[in-house]
Amino acid sequence: QGQLAESGGGSVQTGGSLTLSCAASADTFSRYCMGWFRQVPGKEREGVVGFYPRGGAVYYADSVKGRFTVSQDNAKNTLYLQMNNLKPEDTALYYCAAWSGTCDTTGKPNNWGPGTQVTVSS
């Protein structure tokens, strides 16, 4: 698998929006499950969204359903995570990830991006 590179993190107030991007290699984009995970210091990494870019269901964590939406640009091998109505509890380091196996939020990635920080203030 190739490297993953996230961008788009930042700081917003409650109710604001951010869009994260994840650039992947063509091989990763076509062969593996992909998605986003997040981690708060002192807590386990949490699956936010998982799916197979070449088709199939998209799985969201209950905590983000209705607020976060994943999309993709196949020509650019890039994922996007549109995050709306952000809450302070969404504050975390967000990672793009790729893995084999089940393409839901319980997936076990073996390829991680460096992460991008999202901070939501009240």
Protein backbone atom coordinates (compact mmCIF):
# COMPACT_ATOMS: atom_id res chain seq x y z
CA GLN A 1 0.00 0.00 0.00
CA GLY A 2 1.05 3.55 -0.58
CA GLN A 3 1.14 6.45 1.82
CA LEU A 4 -1.92 8.32 3.00
CA ALA A 5 -1.88 12.08 3.40
CA GLU A 6 -4.60 13.96 5.27
CA SER A 7 -5.30 17.65 5.17
CA GLY A 8 -8.05 20.04 6.18
CA GLY A 9 -8.07 19.97 9.95
CA GLY A 10 -8.44 23.10 11.99
CA SER A 11 -10.34 24.89 14.72
CA VAL A 12 -14.02 25.81 14.57
CA GLN A 13 -16.78 26.75 16.97
CA THR A 14 -19.67 24.51 17.87
CA GLY A 15 -21.99 24.11 14.90
CA GLY A 16 -19.27 24.83 12.39
CA SER A 17 -18.06 22.70 9.51
CA LEU A 18 -14.78 21.31 8.24
CA THR A 19 -13.79 19.10 5.34
CA LEU A 20 -10.92 16.65 5.62
CA SER A 21 -9.12 15.24 2.60
CA CYS A 22 -7.09 12.07 2.23
CA ALA A 23 -4.93 11.44 -0.82
CA ALA A 24 -4.09 7.79 -1.49
CA SER A 25 -2.30 5.76 -4.11
CA ALA A 26 -4.34 4.28 -6.93
CA ASP A 27 -3.55 0.81 -5.62
CA THR A 28 -4.84 1.59 -2.14
CA PHE A 29 -7.92 3.31 -3.48
CA SER A 30 -8.89 0.37 -5.67
CA ARG A 31 -8.07 -2.61 -3.47
CA TYR A 32 -8.67 -1.77 0.18
CA CYS A 33 -11.28 -0.62 2.62
CA MET A 34 -10.76 3.00 3.56
CA GLY A 35 -12.10 5.35 6.13
CA TRP A 36 -11.50 7.72 8.99
CA PHE A 37 -10.66 7.10 12.61
CA ARG A 38 -10.18 9.56 15.43
CA GLN A 39 -8.40 9.57 18.75
CA VAL A 40 -8.48 11.69 21.86
CA PRO A 41 -5.47 11.51 24.21
CA GLY A 42 -6.00 8.79 26.79
CA LYS A 43 -8.73 7.06 24.80
CA GLU A 44 -8.76 4.30 22.20
CA ARG A 45 -8.87 5.14 18.54
CA GLU A 46 -12.49 5.22 17.31
CA GLY A 47 -13.77 4.29 13.88
CA VAL A 48 -15.72 7.19 12.36
CA VAL A 49 -16.52 5.90 8.87
CA GLY A 50 -15.54 2.87 6.82
CA PHE A 51 -16.33 1.84 3.27
CA TYR A 52 -14.96 0.33 0.07
CA PRO A 53 -14.19 3.10 -2.43
CA ARG A 54 -15.09 0.91 -5.42
CA GLY A 55 -18.65 0.39 -4.19
CA GLY A 56 -20.79 -0.89 -1.37
CA ALA A 57 -22.27 0.36 1.85
CA VAL A 58 -20.83 3.20 3.89
CA TYR A 59 -20.70 2.68 7.63
CA TYR A 60 -20.76 5.60 10.07
CA ALA A 61 -20.30 5.61 13.80
CA ASP A 62 -23.58 6.40 15.57
CA SER A 63 -21.99 9.50 17.06
CA VAL A 64 -21.54 11.12 13.63
CA LYS A 65 -24.52 9.82 11.62
CA GLY A 66 -26.41 12.65 9.99
CA ARG A 67 -23.55 15.10 10.51
CA PHE A 68 -20.56 13.57 8.69
CA THR A 69 -20.52 12.52 5.05
CA VAL A 70 -17.76 10.71 3.17
CA SER A 71 -17.23 11.26 -0.53
CA GLN A 72 -14.53 10.50 -3.06
CA ASP A 73 -12.87 11.70 -6.22
CA ASN A 74 -11.85 8.61 -8.16
CA ALA A 75 -9.76 10.58 -10.64
CA LYS A 76 -7.65 11.95 -7.78
CA ASN A 77 -7.76 8.85 -5.54
CA THR A 78 -8.91 11.15 -2.78
CA LEU A 79 -11.40 10.77 0.04
CA TYR A 80 -13.22 13.60 1.70
CA LEU A 81 -14.95 13.79 5.05
CA GLN A 82 -17.47 16.60 5.27
CA MET A 83 -18.15 17.33 8.93
CA ASN A 84 -21.14 19.51 9.74
CA ASN A 85 -22.71 20.65 12.99
CA LEU A 86 -19.48 19.95 14.82
CA LYS A 87 -19.55 19.47 18.57
CA PRO A 88 -16.82 19.80 21.20
CA GLU A 89 -16.83 16.01 21.57
CA ASP A 90 -15.69 15.76 17.95
CA THR A 91 -12.36 17.25 18.98
CA ALA A 92 -9.70 14.68 18.15
CA LEU A 93 -6.81 13.76 15.92
CA TYR A 94 -8.37 12.38 12.75
CA TYR A 95 -6.62 9.67 10.76
CA CYS A 96 -7.24 8.42 7.27
CA ALA A 97 -6.71 4.68 7.11
CA ALA A 98 -6.77 1.69 4.79
CA TRP A 99 -7.18 -1.99 5.52
CA SER A 100 -8.29 -5.38 4.27
CA GLY A 101 -11.28 -7.27 5.58
CA THR A 102 -14.54 -5.84 6.88
CA CYS A 103 -15.06 -2.33 5.58
CA ASP A 104 -16.92 -0.93 8.54
CA THR A 105 -15.88 1.09 11.57
CA THR A 106 -14.56 -2.02 13.33
CA GLY A 107 -11.94 -2.50 10.65
CA LYS A 108 -8.31 -3.05 11.61
CA PRO A 109 -6.21 -0.69 9.54
CA ASN A 110 -2.62 -1.45 8.76
CA ASN A 111 -2.00 1.75 6.84
CA TRP A 112 -2.40 5.09 8.60
CA GLY A 113 -1.96 8.68 7.61
CA PRO A 114 -0.10 10.99 10.01
CA GLY A 115 -3.35 12.53 11.27
CA THR A 116 -4.87 15.98 11.25
CA GLN A 117 -6.17 17.81 14.31
CA VAL A 118 -9.79 18.93 14.59
CA THR A 119 -10.67 21.20 17.50
CA VAL A 120 -14.22 22.31 18.23
CA SER A 121 -14.71 25.00 20.84
CA SER A 122 -17.91 25.70 22.70
